[in-house]
Amino acid sequence: MPTPVARKKAPVLDEPALKPRKEGPSEGVLDREPDLEITLDTSGPHIRCPLCGWTPRKNSRWMCKCHHIWNTFDTGGVCPACLYQWKITQCLRCLGISAHSDWYAQ
């Protein structure tokens, strides 16, 4: 018969995980990151091939070595199926290979 394992109690935190927003249209709404600036800009970082300048679309897809297909820029180069971190990315237009981090324009 296996020996029972003693479970540790979770530590009690001094402050809650969610903090109420200090200002805004709705009182009592919880916000995970109250200090972040809210913006209506949905463009995100500019992503482009460092070799030819091609910009992938939201529906552009790459395949991982585990055969999962997804948009690599949705996850920063991490395959959501096997969690492999891609250091390189191949351009779907010029077929050149470059560092994944080089795709993010400054």
Foldseek 3Di string as FASTA:
>chain_A
DDDDDDDDDDDDDPDDQWDFAPDDDDGPDTDNCNPDDDDPDPPPFFFADPPPGHGDDLPDWDADPVGDIHDCVVPLQADPPPRDRDQWDADPPPRDIDGSVSRGDD
